[in-house]
């Protein structure tokens, strides 16, 4: 199988910050990355230690969100520069990976 080098990026958010649409517009409309998946968590906490969770009694609108995408390393470097101006430190994780690129 042929593979290509890419960089994976994972962005940690909460619904209450209302950043999802802004980030989706950046990644889709402006940067046109390969693809983005948004995940809604059922529970989580970050640096503040505040628990974000849902239960049958409390349907929170402040649940954890994770945005994940990949693209060529050069493109991701440009996107990461923009994300640095929009997100607080500690909310973006990236790592090198390989994607199957056909034969």
PDB file of N, CA and C in Angstrom:
ATOM      1  N   UNK A   1       0.843  -1.178   0.000  1.00  0.00           N
ATOM      2  CA  UNK A   1       0.000   0.000   0.000  1.00  0.00           C
ATOM      3  C   UNK A   1       0.887   1.239   0.000  1.00  0.00           C
ATOM      4  N   UNK A   2       0.574   2.170  -0.872  1.00  0.00           N
ATOM      5  CA  UNK A   2       1.267   3.450  -0.923  1.00  0.00           C
ATOM      6  C   UNK A   2       0.724   4.370   0.170  1.00  0.00           C
ATOM      7  N   UNK A   3       1.626   5.096   0.820  1.00  0.00           N
ATOM      8  CA  UNK A   3       1.192   6.035   1.858  1.00  0.00           C
ATOM      9  C   UNK A   3       1.837   7.395   1.635  1.00  0.00           C
ATOM     10  N   UNK A   4       1.218   8.407   2.209  1.00  0.00           N
ATOM     11  CA  UNK A   4       1.748   9.767   2.184  1.00  0.00           C
ATOM     12  C   UNK A   4       1.841  10.278   3.607  1.00  0.00           C
ATOM     13  N   UNK A   5       2.830  11.133   3.855  1.00  0.00           N
ATOM     14  CA  UNK A   5       3.008  11.742   5.168  1.00  0.00           C
ATOM     15  C   UNK A   5       1.956  12.831   5.376  1.00  0.00           C
ATOM     16  N   UNK A   6       1.298  12.820   6.534  1.00  0.00           N
ATOM     17  CA  UNK A   6       0.332  13.853   6.905  1.00  0.00           C
ATOM     18  C   UNK A   6       0.578  14.230   8.362  1.00  0.00           C
ATOM     19  N   UNK A   7      -0.073  15.287   8.794  1.00  0.00           N
ATOM     20  CA  UNK A   7      -0.085  15.664  10.200  1.00  0.00           C
ATOM     21  C   UNK A   7      -1.520  15.606  10.684  1.00  0.00           C
ATOM     22  N   UNK A   8      -1.731  14.893  11.782  1.00  0.00           N
ATOM     23  CA  UNK A   8      -3.050  14.816  12.425  1.00  0.00           C
ATOM     24  C   UNK A   8      -3.140  15.932  13.455  1.00  0.00           C
ATOM     25  N   UNK A   9      -4.328  16.498  13.591  1.00  0.00           N
ATOM     26  CA  UNK A   9      -4.551  17.555  14.577  1.00  0.00           C
ATOM     27  C   UNK A   9      -5.843  17.247  15.324  1.00  0.00           C
ATOM     28  N   UNK A  10      -5.790  17.409  16.626  1.00  0.00           N
ATOM     29  CA  UNK A  10      -6.974  17.250  17.472  1.00  0.00           C
ATOM     30  C   UNK A  10      -7.122  18.523  18.299  1.00  0.00           C
ATOM     31  N   UNK A  11      -8.325  19.108  18.254  1.00  0.00           N
ATOM     32  CA  UNK A  11      -8.628  20.352  18.963  1.00  0.00           C
ATOM     33  C   UNK A  11      -9.677  20.059  20.022  1.00  0.00           C
ATOM     34  N   UNK A  12      -9.392  20.447  21.258  1.00  0.00           N
ATOM     35  CA  UNK A  12     -10.309  20.217  22.382  1.00  0.00           C
ATOM     36  C   UNK A  12     -11.054  21.502  22.711  1.00  0.00           C
ATOM     37  N   UNK A  13     -12.397  21.417  22.748  1.00  0.00           N
ATOM     38  CA  UNK A  13     -13.269  22.562  23.002  1.00  0.00           C
ATOM     39  C   UNK A  13     -14.387  22.153  23.941  1.00  0.00           C
ATOM     40  N   UNK A  14     -15.216  23.120  24.310  1.00  0.00           N
ATOM     41  CA  UNK A  14     -16.505  22.816  24.931  1.00  0.00           C
ATOM     42  C   UNK A  14     -17.568  23.571  24.157  1.00  0.00           C
ATOM     43  N   UNK A  15     -18.775  23.019  24.148  1.00  0.00           N
ATOM     44  CA  UNK A  15     -19.871  23.656  23.414  1.00  0.00           C
ATOM     45  C   UNK A  15     -20.138  25.069  23.910  1.00  0.00           C
ATOM     46  N   UNK A  16     -19.985  25.282  25.200  1.00  0.00           N
ATOM     47  CA  UNK A  16     -20.304  26.575  25.796  1.00  0.00           C
ATOM     48  C   UNK A  16     -19.472  27.728  25.275  1.00  0.00           C
ATOM     49  N   UNK A  17     -18.294  27.446  24.712  1.00  0.00           N
ATOM     50  CA  UNK A  17     -17.431  28.515  24.175  1.00  0.00           C
ATOM     51  C   UNK A  17     -17.897  28.996  22.806  1.00  0.00           C
ATOM     52  N   UNK A  18     -18.772  28.241  22.163  1.00  0.00           N
ATOM     53  CA  UNK A  18     -19.343  28.615  20.859  1.00  0.00           C
ATOM     54  C   UNK A  18     -18.274  28.891  19.797  1.00  0.00           C
ATOM     55  N   UNK A  19     -17.245  28.046  19.739  1.00  0.00           N
ATOM     56  CA  UNK A  19     -16.172  28.211  18.763  1.00  0.00           C
ATOM     57  C   UNK A  19     -16.297  27.250  17.582  1.00  0.00           C
ATOM     58  N   UNK A  20     -17.192  26.284  17.685  1.00  0.00           N
ATOM     59  CA  UNK A  20     -17.274  25.238  16.674  1.00  0.00           C
ATOM     60  C   UNK A  20     -17.508  25.804  15.276  1.00  0.00           C
ATOM     61  N   UNK A  21     -18.481  26.662  15.108  1.00  0.00           N
ATOM     62  CA  UNK A  21     -18.802  27.178  13.773  1.00  0.00           C
ATOM     63  C   UNK A  21     -17.653  27.999  13.191  1.00  0.00           C
ATOM     64  N   UNK A  22     -17.016  28.805  14.028  1.00  0.00           N
ATOM     65  CA  UNK A  22     -15.882  29.611  13.574  1.00  0.00           C
ATOM     66  C   UNK A  22     -14.738  28.713  13.097  1.00  0.00           C
ATOM     67  N   UNK A  23     -14.448  27.678  13.862  1.00  0.00           N
ATOM     68  CA  UNK A  23     -13.361  26.775  13.485  1.00  0.00           C
ATOM     69  C   UNK A  23     -13.712  25.946  12.256  1.00  0.00           C
ATOM     70  N   UNK A  24     -14.960  25.501  12.157  1.00  0.00           N
ATOM     71  CA  UNK A  24     -15.379  24.751  10.972  1.00  0.00           C
ATOM     72  C   UNK A  24     -15.273  25.625   9.721  1.00  0.00           C
ATOM     73  N   UNK A  25     -15.653  26.890   9.831  1.00  0.00           N
ATOM     74  CA  UNK A  25     -15.537  27.810   8.695  1.00  0.00           C
ATOM     75  C   UNK A  25     -14.067  27.988   8.299  1.00  0.00           C
ATOM     76  N   UNK A  26     -13.198  28.136   9.275  1.00  0.00           N
ATOM     77  CA  UNK A  26     -11.766  28.277   8.993  1.00  0.00           C
ATOM     78  C   UNK A  26     -11.241  27.036   8.283  1.00  0.00           C
ATOM     79  N   UNK A  27     -11.532  25.866   8.820  1.00  0.00           N
ATOM     80  CA  UNK A  27     -10.986  24.634   8.274  1.00  0.00           C
ATOM     81  C   UNK A  27     -11.610  24.243   6.939  1.00  0.00           C
ATOM     82  N   UNK A  28     -12.901  24.506   6.766  1.00  0.00           N
ATOM     83  CA  UNK A  28     -13.597  24.128   5.534  1.00  0.00           C
ATOM     84  C   UNK A  28     -13.515  25.216   4.465  1.00  0.00           C
ATOM     85  N   UNK A  29     -13.967  26.411   4.803  1.00  0.00           N
ATOM     86  CA  UNK A  29     -14.099  27.474   3.804  1.00  0.00           C
ATOM     87  C   UNK A  29     -12.771  28.140   3.453  1.00  0.00           C
ATOM     88  N   UNK A  30     -11.973  28.459   4.472  1.00  0.00           N
ATOM     89  CA  UNK A  30     -10.731  29.195   4.221  1.00  0.00           C
ATOM     90  C   UNK A  30      -9.564  28.273   3.865  1.00  0.00           C
ATOM     91  N   UNK A  31      -9.296  27.283   4.705  1.00  0.00           N
ATOM     92  CA  UNK A  31      -8.121  26.437   4.514  1.00  0.00           C
ATOM     93  C   UNK A  31      -8.367  25.198   3.665  1.00  0.00           C
ATOM     94  N   UNK A  32      -9.620  24.775   3.564  1.00  0.00           N
ATOM     95  CA  UNK A  32      -9.986  23.616   2.742  1.00  0.00           C
ATOM     96  C   UNK A  32      -9.117  22.388   3.064  1.00  0.00           C
ATOM     97  N   UNK A  33      -9.061  22.044   4.358  1.00  0.00           N
ATOM     98  CA  UNK A  33      -8.294  20.862   4.762  1.00  0.00           C
ATOM     99  C   UNK A  33      -8.984  19.617   4.232  1.00  0.00           C
ATOM    100  N   UNK A  34      -8.271  18.494   4.278  1.00  0.00           N
ATOM    101  CA  UNK A  34      -8.779  17.229   3.704  1.00  0.00           C
ATOM    102  C   UNK A  34     -10.140  16.822   4.253  1.00  0.00           C
ATOM    103  N   UNK A  35     -10.395  17.063   5.498  1.00  0.00           N
ATOM    104  CA  UNK A  35     -11.666  16.689   6.103  1.00  0.00           C
ATOM    105  C   UNK A  35     -11.610  16.923   7.591  1.00  0.00           C
ATOM    106  N   UNK A  36     -12.751  17.145   8.186  1.00  0.00           N
ATOM    107  CA  UNK A  36     -12.839  17.404   9.617  1.00  0.00           C
ATOM    108  C   UNK A  36     -13.949  16.543  10.192  1.00  0.00           C
ATOM    109  N   UNK A  37     -13.706  15.974  11.356  1.00  0.00           N
ATOM    110  CA  UNK A  37     -14.747  15.274  12.086  1.00  0.00           C
ATOM    111  C   UNK A  37     -14.885  15.930  13.443  1.00  0.00           C
ATOM    112  N   UNK A  38     -16.120  16.184  13.852  1.00  0.00           N
ATOM    113  CA  UNK A  38     -16.395  16.738  15.174  1.00  0.00           C
ATOM    114  C   UNK A  38     -17.024  15.649  16.027  1.00  0.00           C
ATOM    115  N   UNK A  39     -16.497  15.480  17.217  1.00  0.00           N
ATOM    116  CA  UNK A  39     -17.003  14.497  18.169  1.00  0.00           C
ATOM    117  C   UNK A  39     -17.559  15.230  19.379  1.00  0.00           C
ATOM    118  N   UNK A  40     -18.710  14.792  19.888  1.00  0.00           N
ATOM    119  CA  UNK A  40     -19.260  15.339  21.133  1.00  0.00           C
ATOM    120  C   UNK A  40     -19.012  14.304  22.223  1.00  0.00           C
ATOM    121  N   UNK A  41     -18.361  14.739  23.278  1.00  0.00           N
ATOM    122  CA  UNK A  41     -18.063  13.843  24.388  1.00  0.00           C
ATOM    123  C   UNK A  41     -19.232  13.759  25.359  1.00  0.00           C
ATOM    124  N   UNK A  42     -19.243  12.700  26.148  1.00  0.00           N
ATOM    125  CA  UNK A  42     -20.283  12.567  27.174  1.00  0.00           C
ATOM    126  C   UNK A  42     -19.795  13.095  28.513  1.00  0.00           C
ATOM    127  N   UNK A  43     -18.476  13.236  28.662  1.00  0.00           N
ATOM    128  CA  UNK A  43     -17.910  13.797  29.884  1.00  0.00           C
ATOM    129  C   UNK A  43     -16.470  14.185  29.621  1.00  0.00           C
ATOM    130  N   UNK A  44     -15.989  15.160  30.381  1.00  0.00           N
ATOM    131  CA  UNK A  44     -14.598  15.556  30.264  1.00  0.00           C
ATOM    132  C   UNK A  44     -14.292  16.739  31.147  1.00  0.00           C
ATOM    133  N   UNK A  45     -12.986  16.990  31.339  1.00  0.00           N
ATOM    134  CA  UNK A  45     -12.550  18.180  32.056  1.00  0.00           C
ATOM    135  C   UNK A  45     -11.182  18.567  31.524  1.00  0.00           C
ATOM    136  N   UNK A  46     -10.853  19.825  31.704  1.00  0.00           N
ATOM    137  CA  UNK A  46      -9.568  20.337  31.245  1.00  0.00           C
ATOM    138  C   UNK A  46      -8.786  20.929  32.389  1.00  0.00           C
ATOM    139  N   UNK A  47      -7.945  21.894  32.058  1.00  0.00           N
ATOM    140  CA  UNK A  47      -7.036  22.512  33.019  1.00  0.00           C
ATOM    141  C   UNK A  47      -7.768  23.087  34.228  1.00  0.00           C
ATOM    142  N   UNK A  48      -8.955  23.648  34.005  1.00  0.00           N
ATOM    143  CA  UNK A  48      -9.712  24.268  35.104  1.00  0.00           C
ATOM    144  C   UNK A  48     -10.216  23.234  36.106  1.00  0.00           C
ATOM    145  N   UNK A  49     -10.338  21.991  35.676  1.00  0.00           N
ATOM    146  CA  UNK A  49     -10.869  20.943  36.538  1.00  0.00           C
ATOM    147  C   UNK A  49     -12.381  20.887  36.563  1.00  0.00           C
ATOM    148  N   UNK A  50     -13.050  21.836  35.876  1.00  0.00           N
ATOM    149  CA  UNK A  50     -14.506  21.843  35.828  1.00  0.00           C
ATOM    150  C   UNK A  50     -14.997  20.670  34.986  1.00  0.00           C
ATOM    151  N   UNK A  51     -15.877  19.851  35.555  1.00  0.00           N
ATOM    152  CA  UNK A  51     -16.405  18.684  34.851  1.00  0.00           C
ATOM    153  C   UNK A  51     -17.521  19.126  33.905  1.00  0.00           C
ATOM    154  N   UNK A  52     -17.433  18.686  32.675  1.00  0.00           N
ATOM    155  CA  UNK A  52     -18.474  18.908  31.672  1.00  0.00           C
ATOM    156  C   UNK A  52     -19.067  17.543  31.379  1.00  0.00           C
ATOM    157  N   UNK A  53     -20.346  17.359  31.669  1.00  0.00           N
ATOM    158  CA  UNK A  53     -20.942  16.046  31.446  1.00  0.00           C
ATOM    159  C   UNK A  53     -22.428  16.164  31.174  1.00  0.00           C
ATOM    160  N   UNK A  54     -22.993  15.070  30.718  1.00  0.00           N
ATOM    161  CA  UNK A  54     -24.432  15.008  30.496  1.00  0.00           C
ATOM    162  C   UNK A  54     -24.981  13.842  31.297  1.00  0.00           C
ATOM    163  N   UNK A  55     -26.199  13.980  31.706  1.00  0.00           N
ATOM    164  CA  UNK A  55     -26.905  12.887  32.372  1.00  0.00           C
ATOM    165  C   UNK A  55     -28.361  12.993  31.962  1.00  0.00           C
ATOM    166  N   UNK A  56     -29.137  12.011  32.317  1.00  0.00           N
ATOM    167  CA  UNK A  56     -30.558  12.067  31.979  1.00  0.00           C
ATOM    168  C   UNK A  56     -31.244  13.236  32.678  1.00  0.00           C
ATOM    169  N   UNK A  57     -30.765  13.598  33.854  1.00  0.00           N
ATOM    170  CA  UNK A  57     -31.375  14.687  34.599  1.00  0.00           C
ATOM    171  C   UNK A  57     -30.886  16.056  34.149  1.00  0.00           C
ATOM    172  N   UNK A  58     -29.655  16.107  33.639  1.00  0.00           N
ATOM    173  CA  UNK A  58     -29.038  17.386  33.293  1.00  0.00           C
ATOM    174  C   UNK A  58     -28.475  17.302  31.886  1.00  0.00           C
ATOM    175  N   UNK A  59     -29.240  17.656  30.880  1.00  0.00           N
ATOM    176  CA  UNK A  59     -28.750  17.633  29.508  1.00  0.00           C
ATOM    177  C   UNK A  59     -27.956  18.909  29.254  1.00  0.00           C
ATOM    178  N   UNK A  60     -26.690  18.843  29.542  1.00  0.00           N
ATOM    179  CA  UNK A  60     -25.799  19.987  29.458  1.00  0.00           C
ATOM    180  C   UNK A  60     -25.632  20.447  28.013  1.00  0.00           C
ATOM    181  N   UNK A  61     -25.527  21.755  27.845  1.00  0.00           N
ATOM    182  CA  UNK A  61     -25.186  22.326  26.542  1.00  0.00           C
ATOM    183  C   UNK A  61     -23.746  22.806  26.563  1.00  0.00           C
ATOM    184  N   UNK A  62     -22.970  22.286  27.495  1.00  0.00           N
ATOM    185  CA  UNK A  62     -21.569  22.652  27.634  1.00  0.00           C
ATOM    186  C   UNK A  62     -20.705  21.388  27.622  1.00  0.00           C
ATOM    187  N   UNK A  63     -21.028  20.471  26.704  1.00  0.00           N
ATOM    188  CA  UNK A  63     -20.320  19.204  26.620  1.00  0.00           C
ATOM    189  C   UNK A  63     -18.966  19.375  25.933  1.00  0.00           C
ATOM    190  N   UNK A  64     -18.043  18.455  26.180  1.00  0.00           N
ATOM    191  CA  UNK A  64     -16.754  18.499  25.489  1.00  0.00           C
ATOM    192  C   UNK A  64     -16.939  18.246  23.987  1.00  0.00           C
ATOM    193  N   UNK A  65     -16.139  18.927  23.191  1.00  0.00           N
ATOM    194  CA  UNK A  65     -16.098  18.716  21.744  1.00  0.00           C
ATOM    195  C   UNK A  65     -14.658  18.458  21.336  1.00  0.00           C
ATOM    196  N   UNK A  66     -14.480  17.601  20.345  1.00  0.00           N
ATOM    197  CA  UNK A  66     -13.169  17.364  19.764  1.00  0.00           C
ATOM    198  C   UNK A  66     -13.315  17.515  18.254  1.00  0.00           C
ATOM    199  N   UNK A  67     -12.478  18.358  17.657  1.00  0.00           N
ATOM    200  CA  UNK A  67     -12.384  18.463  16.200  1.00  0.00           C
ATOM    201  C   UNK A  67     -11.099  17.773  15.789  1.00  0.00           C
ATOM    202  N   UNK A  68     -11.166  16.938  14.765  1.00  0.00           N
ATOM    203  CA  UNK A  68      -9.983  16.233  14.314  1.00  0.00           C
ATOM    204  C   UNK A  68      -9.876  16.361  12.804  1.00  0.00           C
ATOM    205  N   UNK A  69      -8.654  16.626  12.331  1.00  0.00           N
ATOM    206  CA  UNK A  69      -8.428  16.713  10.885  1.00  0.00           C
ATOM    207  C   UNK A  69      -6.983  16.347  10.575  1.00  0.00           C
ATOM    208  N   UNK A  70      -6.718  16.113   9.288  1.00  0.00           N
ATOM    209  CA  UNK A  70      -5.350  15.889   8.830  1.00  0.00           C
ATOM    210  C   UNK A  70      -5.174  16.525   7.468  1.00  0.00           C
ATOM    211  N   UNK A  71      -3.926  16.786   7.133  1.00  0.00           N
ATOM    212  CA  UNK A  71      -3.578  17.303   5.816  1.00  0.00           C
ATOM    213  C   UNK A  71      -2.057  17.217   5.679  1.00  0.00           C
ATOM    214  N   UNK A  72      -1.547  17.714   4.553  1.00  0.00           N
ATOM    215  CA  UNK A  72      -0.107  17.748   4.345  1.00  0.00           C
ATOM    216  C   UNK A  72       0.554  18.557   5.464  1.00  0.00           C
ATOM    217  N   UNK A  73       1.737  18.169   5.894  1.00  0.00           N
ATOM    218  CA  UNK A  73       2.397  18.886   6.989  1.00  0.00           C
ATOM    219  C   UNK A  73       2.529  20.393   6.761  1.00  0.00           C
ATOM    220  N   UNK A  74       2.821  20.809   5.531  1.00  0.00           N
ATOM    221  CA  UNK A  74       2.976  22.240   5.242  1.00  0.00           C
ATOM    222  C   UNK A  74       1.660  23.000   5.448  1.00  0.00           C
ATOM    223  N   UNK A  75       0.568  22.406   4.998  1.00  0.00           N
ATOM    224  CA  UNK A  75      -0.735  23.052   5.148  1.00  0.00           C
ATOM    225  C   UNK A  75      -1.122  23.118   6.621  1.00  0.00           C
ATOM    226  N   UNK A  76      -0.903  22.027   7.343  1.00  0.00           N
ATOM    227  CA  UNK A  76      -1.251  21.999   8.765  1.00  0.00           C
ATOM    228  C   UNK A  76      -0.445  23.050   9.527  1.00  0.00           C
ATOM    229  N   UNK A  77       0.805  23.250   9.168  1.00  0.00           N
ATOM    230  CA  UNK A  77       1.618  24.277   9.833  1.00  0.00           C
ATOM    231  C   UNK A  77       0.971  25.654   9.698  1.00  0.00           C
ATOM    232  N   UNK A  78       0.434  25.957   8.523  1.00  0.00           N
ATOM    233  CA  UNK A  78      -0.259  27.232   8.297  1.00  0.00           C
ATOM    234  C   UNK A  78      -1.521  27.318   9.141  1.00  0.00           C
ATOM    235  N   UNK A  79      -2.284  26.235   9.176  1.00  0.00           N
ATOM    236  CA  UNK A  79      -3.520  26.206   9.966  1.00  0.00           C
ATOM    237  C   UNK A  79      -3.204  26.373  11.449  1.00  0.00           C
ATOM    238  N   UNK A  80      -2.153  25.701  11.923  1.00  0.00           N
ATOM    239  CA  UNK A  80      -1.789  25.804  13.343  1.00  0.00           C
ATOM    240  C   UNK A  80      -1.430  27.235  13.740  1.00  0.00           C
ATOM    241  N   UNK A  81      -0.815  27.976  12.846  1.00  0.00           N
ATOM    242  CA  UNK A  81      -0.521  29.389  13.122  1.00  0.00           C
ATOM    243  C   UNK A  81      -1.812  30.169  13.358  1.00  0.00           C
ATOM    244  N   UNK A  82      -2.825  29.911  12.547  1.00  0.00           N
ATOM    245  CA  UNK A  82      -4.110  30.590  12.712  1.00  0.00           C
ATOM    246  C   UNK A  82      -4.806  30.139  13.991  1.00  0.00           C
ATOM    247  N   UNK A  83      -4.768  28.837  14.271  1.00  0.00           N
ATOM    248  CA  UNK A  83      -5.407  28.321  15.478  1.00  0.00           C
ATOM    249  C   UNK A  83      -4.772  28.909  16.733  1.00  0.00           C
ATOM    250  N   UNK A  84      -3.481  29.190  16.669  1.00  0.00           N
ATOM    251  CA  UNK A  84      -2.771  29.749  17.819  1.00  0.00           C
ATOM    252  C   UNK A  84      -3.350  31.100  18.227  1.00  0.00           C
ATOM    253  N   UNK A  85      -3.915  31.831  17.275  1.00  0.00           N
ATOM    254  CA  UNK A  85      -4.508  33.139  17.591  1.00  0.00           C
ATOM    255  C   UNK A  85      -5.947  33.010  18.088  1.00  0.00           C
ATOM    256  N   UNK A  86      -6.574  31.840  17.882  1.00  0.00           N
ATOM    257  CA  UNK A  86      -7.986  31.653  18.233  1.00  0.00           C
ATOM    258  C   UNK A  86      -8.217  30.842  19.502  1.00  0.00           C
ATOM    259  N   UNK A  87      -7.240  30.030  19.886  1.00  0.00           N
ATOM    260  CA  UNK A  87      -7.436  29.102  20.995  1.00  0.00           C
ATOM    261  C   UNK A  87      -6.400  29.324  22.087  1.00  0.00           C
ATOM    262  N   UNK A  88      -6.804  29.043  23.307  1.00  0.00           N
ATOM    263  CA  UNK A  88      -5.873  29.138  24.426  1.00  0.00           C
ATOM    264  C   UNK A  88      -4.864  28.004  24.350  1.00  0.00           C
ATOM    265  N   UNK A  89      -3.683  28.204  24.932  1.00  0.00           N
ATOM    266  CA  UNK A  89      -2.674  27.136  24.934  1.00  0.00           C
ATOM    267  C   UNK A  89      -3.219  25.861  25.585  1.00  0.00           C
ATOM    268  N   UNK A  90      -2.764  24.725  25.087  1.00  0.00           N
ATOM    269  CA  UNK A  90      -3.143  23.444  25.660  1.00  0.00           C
ATOM    270  C   UNK A  90      -4.386  22.813  25.071  1.00  0.00           C
ATOM    271  N   UNK A  91      -4.925  23.399  23.988  1.00  0.00           N
ATOM    272  CA  UNK A  91      -6.162  22.882  23.397  1.00  0.00           C
ATOM    273  C   UNK A  91      -5.945  22.210  22.043  1.00  0.00           C
ATOM    274  N   UNK A  92      -4.708  22.208  21.537  1.00  0.00           N
ATOM    275  CA  UNK A  92      -4.429  21.631  20.227  1.00  0.00           C
ATOM    276  C   UNK A  92      -3.289  20.629  20.356  1.00  0.00           C
ATOM    277  N   UNK A  93      -3.515  19.428  19.840  1.00  0.00           N
ATOM    278  CA  UNK A  93      -2.503  18.377  19.846  1.00  0.00           C
ATOM    279  C   UNK A  93      -2.293  17.956  18.393  1.00  0.00           C
ATOM    280  N   UNK A  94      -1.038  17.756  17.998  1.00  0.00           N
ATOM    281  CA  UNK A  94      -0.773  17.295  16.627  1.00  0.00           C
ATOM    282  C   UNK A  94       0.344  16.261  16.639  1.00  0.00           C
ATOM    283  N   UNK A  95       0.330  15.391  15.609  1.00  0.00           N
ATOM    284  CA  UNK A  95       1.342  14.358  15.499  1.00  0.00           C
ATOM    285  C   UNK A  95       1.448  13.913  14.047  1.00  0.00           C
ATOM    286  N   UNK A  96       2.632  13.417  13.637  1.00  0.00           N
ATOM    287  CA  UNK A  96       2.807  12.914  12.269  1.00  0.00           C
ATOM    288  C   UNK A  96       2.094  11.574  12.101  1.00  0.00           C
ATOM    289  N   UNK A  97       1.606  11.340  10.895  1.00  0.00           N
ATOM    290  CA  UNK A  97       0.915  10.088  10.583  1.00  0.00           C
ATOM    291  C   UNK A  97       1.092   9.792   9.091  1.00  0.00           C
ATOM    292  N   UNK A  98       0.561   8.662   8.674  1.00  0.00           N
ATOM    293  CA  UNK A  98       0.575   8.281   7.261  1.00  0.00           C
ATOM    294  C   UNK A  98      -0.863   7.985   6.827  1.00  0.00           C
ATOM    295  N   UNK A  99      -1.186   8.345   5.589  1.00  0.00           N
ATOM    296  CA  UNK A  99      -2.504   8.056   5.029  1.00  0.00           C
ATOM    297  C   UNK A  99      -2.302   7.216   3.768  1.00  0.00           C
ATOM    298  N   UNK A 100      -3.219   6.244   3.568  1.00  0.00           N
ATOM    299  CA  UNK A 100      -3.116   5.451   2.339  1.00  0.00           C
ATOM    300  C   UNK A 100      -3.435   6.360   1.157  1.00  0.00           C
ATOM    301  N   UNK A 101      -2.596   6.317   0.140  1.00  0.00           N
ATOM    302  CA  UNK A 101      -2.742   7.243  -0.982  1.00  0.00           C
ATOM    303  C   UNK A 101      -2.995   6.522  -2.303  1.00  0.00           C
ATOM    304  N   UNK A 102      -3.452   5.308  -2.247  1.00  0.00           N
ATOM    305  CA  UNK A 102      -3.759   4.581  -3.474  1.00  0.00           C
ATOM    306  C   UNK A 102      -2.530   3.904  -4.034  1.00  0.00           C
ATOM    307  N   UNK A 103      -2.753   3.101  -5.058  1.00  0.00           N
ATOM    308  CA  UNK A 103      -1.628   2.375  -5.658  1.00  0.00           C
ATOM    309  C   UNK A 103      -1.477   2.703  -7.101  1.00  0.00           C
TER     310      UNK A 103
END
